[in-house]
Amino acid sequence: MTANEDQEMELEALQSIYEGDDCFKELSPVSFQYRIGDLEDAKAFLLDISWPETYPETAPKISLDAFFNNRICPEVKKTIITKLEEQVEANLGTAMMYTLFEWAKENQQQLMETHQPVNNALTLTSSSENAINPNFSSSKKKEKKEQLTKSQKRKLTGKTDNKGELPRGWNWVDVIKGCGPDRVP
């Protein structure tokens, strides 16, 4: 069998095995993503694997560069890729995608044991602003005042007293006037 025939057979197998699995995504006929762990799990990661032309005789390209993996520190990423490359070497020459995905799922805890979530740029920016200006608080937000047009302001000033407050009941519904045609005089 040629490399292309092996790839076609493995592609069909992957499509049938992972049909309906939200974790598996086929990006192209030679490029795949598999999410290891639940979306809410802090130790979840997204595995990108793509085949070169001569796969399975040559190793597939393994990557953790997806945006989903930004919270994982570079050392942990390097460890995951190193351990997966060991599995690739053991399975070289055979269809190995299913084996790699399942091995990563089974060993997720071991792969992510040293994982400490990386702070994103927003957190780093706000903490550096706090260091520069201790009075700065990111939780304080300026309240926006309601913007009125000139005509709305004129109408409002005509209704207010000398303190700028509206008289009691200014927005009440006038029930007495709206009693209808059979109202009592």
Protein backbone atom coordinates (compact mmCIF):
# COMPACT_ATOMS: atom_id res chain seq x y z
CA MET A 1 0.00 0.00 0.00
CA THR A 2 1.15 3.53 -0.67
CA ALA A 3 1.22 6.28 1.93
CA ASN A 4 -1.84 7.92 0.37
CA GLU A 5 -3.86 4.69 0.57
CA ASP A 6 -2.87 4.25 4.23
CA GLN A 7 -3.90 7.84 4.93
CA GLU A 8 -7.27 7.35 3.21
CA MET A 9 -7.97 4.20 5.22
CA GLU A 10 -6.98 5.88 8.49
CA LEU A 11 -9.08 8.93 7.64
CA GLU A 12 -12.15 6.74 7.09
CA ALA A 13 -11.47 4.92 10.36
CA LEU A 14 -11.11 8.22 12.29
CA GLN A 15 -14.32 9.61 10.78
CA SER A 16 -16.28 6.51 11.78
CA ILE A 17 -14.76 6.27 15.29
CA TYR A 18 -15.16 9.95 16.19
CA GLU A 19 -18.46 10.61 14.39
CA GLY A 20 -20.52 12.78 16.74
CA ASP A 21 -17.62 13.35 19.15
CA ASP A 22 -17.42 17.08 19.98
CA CYS A 23 -13.74 16.74 20.93
CA PHE A 24 -12.65 15.64 17.44
CA LYS A 25 -12.41 18.06 14.54
CA GLU A 26 -11.14 17.36 11.03
CA LEU A 27 -9.55 20.58 9.76
CA SER A 28 -8.55 19.05 6.42
CA PRO A 29 -8.01 15.50 5.12
CA VAL A 30 -4.51 15.59 6.65
CA SER A 31 -4.97 17.87 9.69
CA PHE A 32 -6.91 17.13 12.88
CA GLN A 33 -7.66 18.59 16.30
CA TYR A 34 -8.66 16.70 19.40
CA ARG A 35 -9.59 18.32 22.72
CA ILE A 36 -8.32 16.39 25.71
CA GLY A 37 -10.59 17.14 28.68
CA ASP A 38 -13.81 19.14 29.13
CA LEU A 39 -14.11 22.76 28.00
CA GLU A 40 -14.48 23.94 31.62
CA ASP A 41 -11.51 21.87 32.81
CA ALA A 42 -8.44 24.03 33.55
CA LYS A 43 -6.23 21.09 32.57
CA ALA A 44 -7.82 20.58 29.15
CA PHE A 45 -5.74 21.10 26.03
CA LEU A 46 -6.21 21.03 22.27
CA LEU A 47 -3.98 18.68 20.32
CA ASP A 48 -3.23 19.59 16.66
CA ILE A 49 -1.82 16.80 14.50
CA SER A 50 -1.13 17.01 10.77
CA TRP A 51 0.23 14.39 8.39
CA PRO A 52 3.15 14.93 6.04
CA GLU A 53 2.92 13.38 2.56
CA THR A 54 4.78 10.22 3.60
CA TYR A 55 2.78 9.55 6.80
CA PRO A 56 2.66 6.92 8.44
CA GLU A 57 6.27 6.14 7.45
CA THR A 58 7.30 9.57 8.78
CA ALA A 59 6.13 11.16 12.01
CA PRO A 60 3.10 13.46 12.03
CA LYS A 61 3.52 17.09 13.10
CA ILE A 62 2.21 17.62 16.63
CA SER A 63 1.35 21.13 17.82
CA LEU A 64 -0.17 22.82 20.85
CA ASP A 65 -0.22 26.30 19.26
CA ALA A 66 -4.01 26.66 19.23
CA PHE A 67 -5.46 29.69 21.01
CA PHE A 68 -7.24 27.30 23.41
CA ASN A 69 -3.80 26.34 24.79
CA ASN A 70 -2.67 29.90 25.63
CA ARG A 71 -3.26 29.28 29.33
CA ILE A 72 -0.71 26.43 29.35
CA CYS A 73 2.88 27.39 30.13
CA PRO A 74 5.58 26.59 27.54
CA GLU A 75 7.30 24.01 29.78
CA VAL A 76 4.13 21.90 30.08
CA LYS A 77 3.52 22.18 26.32
CA LYS A 78 7.06 20.96 25.67
CA THR A 79 6.56 18.03 28.05
CA ILE A 80 3.30 17.00 26.35
CA ILE A 81 4.86 17.15 22.88
CA THR A 82 7.95 15.20 24.04
CA LYS A 83 5.83 12.41 25.54
CA LEU A 84 3.61 12.26 22.46
CA GLU A 85 6.68 12.08 20.20
CA GLU A 86 7.83 9.06 22.23
CA GLN A 87 4.50 7.42 21.38
CA VAL A 88 4.96 8.37 17.71
CA GLU A 89 8.39 6.69 17.64
CA ALA A 90 6.89 3.51 19.13
CA ASN A 91 4.12 3.45 16.47
CA LEU A 92 6.05 4.68 13.43
CA GLY A 93 5.00 2.90 10.23
CA THR A 94 1.44 2.20 11.44
CA ALA A 95 -1.75 4.23 11.65
CA MET A 96 -1.37 5.99 15.00
CA MET A 97 -3.85 8.87 15.28
CA TYR A 98 -6.39 6.94 17.35
CA THR A 99 -3.56 5.61 19.53
CA LEU A 100 -2.18 9.12 20.14
CA PHE A 101 -5.57 10.63 20.98
CA GLU A 102 -6.49 7.80 23.35
CA TRP A 103 -3.04 7.79 24.99
CA ALA A 104 -3.32 11.55 25.61
CA LYS A 105 -6.81 11.12 27.11
CA GLU A 106 -5.65 8.31 29.41
CA ASN A 107 -2.55 10.23 30.54
CA GLN A 108 -4.05 13.73 30.80
CA GLN A 109 -3.51 13.99 34.56
CA GLN A 110 0.12 12.90 34.27
CA LEU A 111 0.78 15.27 31.36
CA MET A 112 -0.78 18.24 33.15
CA GLU A 113 0.44 17.51 36.70
CA THR A 114 2.82 20.52 36.75
CA HIS A 115 0.31 22.80 35.00
CA GLN A 116 -0.23 26.22 36.54
CA PRO A 117 -2.61 28.43 34.51
CA VAL A 118 -0.79 31.27 32.77
CA ASN A 119 -2.15 34.75 33.47
CA ASN A 120 -3.44 36.45 30.36
CA ALA A 121 -2.27 39.87 29.17
CA LEU A 122 -5.26 41.69 30.70
CA THR A 123 -4.47 40.40 34.17
CA LEU A 124 -0.82 41.31 33.82
CA THR A 125 -1.70 44.82 32.65
CA SER A 126 -4.07 45.52 35.51
CA SER A 127 -1.66 44.15 38.12
CA SER A 128 1.15 46.33 36.74
CA GLU A 129 -1.15 49.36 36.89
CA ASN A 130 -1.89 48.51 40.52
CA ALA A 131 1.84 48.41 41.23
CA ILE A 132 2.35 51.82 39.60
CA ASN A 133 -0.73 53.46 41.08
CA PRO A 134 -1.90 51.82 44.34
CA ASN A 135 -5.10 53.92 44.28
CA PHE A 136 -6.08 52.33 40.95
CA SER A 137 -8.84 49.79 41.19
CA SER A 138 -9.95 47.80 38.19
CA SER A 139 -13.27 47.03 39.91
CA LYS A 140 -14.23 50.73 40.03
CA LYS A 141 -16.08 51.80 36.93
CA LYS A 142 -17.31 55.27 36.14
CA GLU A 143 -21.06 55.45 35.98
CA LYS A 144 -22.30 57.02 32.79
CA LYS A 145 -24.85 59.76 33.22
CA GLU A 146 -27.92 59.79 31.06
CA GLN A 147 -27.38 62.15 28.13
CA LEU A 148 -30.31 64.52 27.53
CA THR A 149 -31.00 66.75 24.55
CA LYS A 150 -31.41 70.53 25.02
CA SER A 151 -35.19 70.32 24.67
CA GLN A 152 -35.34 67.53 27.25
CA LYS A 153 -33.25 69.64 29.64
CA ARG A 154 -35.56 72.69 29.15
CA LYS A 155 -38.65 70.62 29.88
CA LEU A 156 -37.00 69.13 32.93
CA THR A 157 -35.94 72.52 34.37
CA GLY A 158 -39.50 73.81 33.97
CA LYS A 159 -40.76 71.02 36.21
CA THR A 160 -38.12 71.23 38.96
CA ASP A 161 -38.15 73.33 42.13
CA ASN A 162 -35.37 75.67 43.29
CA LYS A 163 -33.25 72.69 44.46
CA GLY A 164 -33.39 70.99 41.03
CA GLU A 165 -35.65 68.21 42.27
CA LEU A 166 -38.85 67.12 40.61
CA PRO A 167 -42.02 67.61 42.68
CA ARG A 168 -43.52 64.59 44.36
CA GLY A 169 -45.77 62.66 41.98
CA TRP A 170 -44.54 64.29 38.75
CA ASN A 171 -44.62 60.95 36.94
CA TRP A 172 -47.83 59.60 38.46
CA VAL A 173 -50.68 58.64 36.18
CA ASP A 174 -53.65 60.96 36.50
CA VAL A 175 -56.35 58.43 37.28
CA ILE A 176 -59.11 60.91 38.04
CA LYS A 177 -59.11 62.57 34.60
CA GLY A 178 -59.16 59.30 32.69
CA CYS A 179 -62.28 57.73 34.15
CA GLY A 180 -64.12 57.50 30.82
CA PRO A 181 -67.47 58.71 29.40
CA ASP A 182 -69.58 57.63 32.35
CA ARG A 183 -67.56 59.54 34.94
CA VAL A 184 -69.37 61.24 37.75
CA PRO A 185 -69.32 65.08 37.66
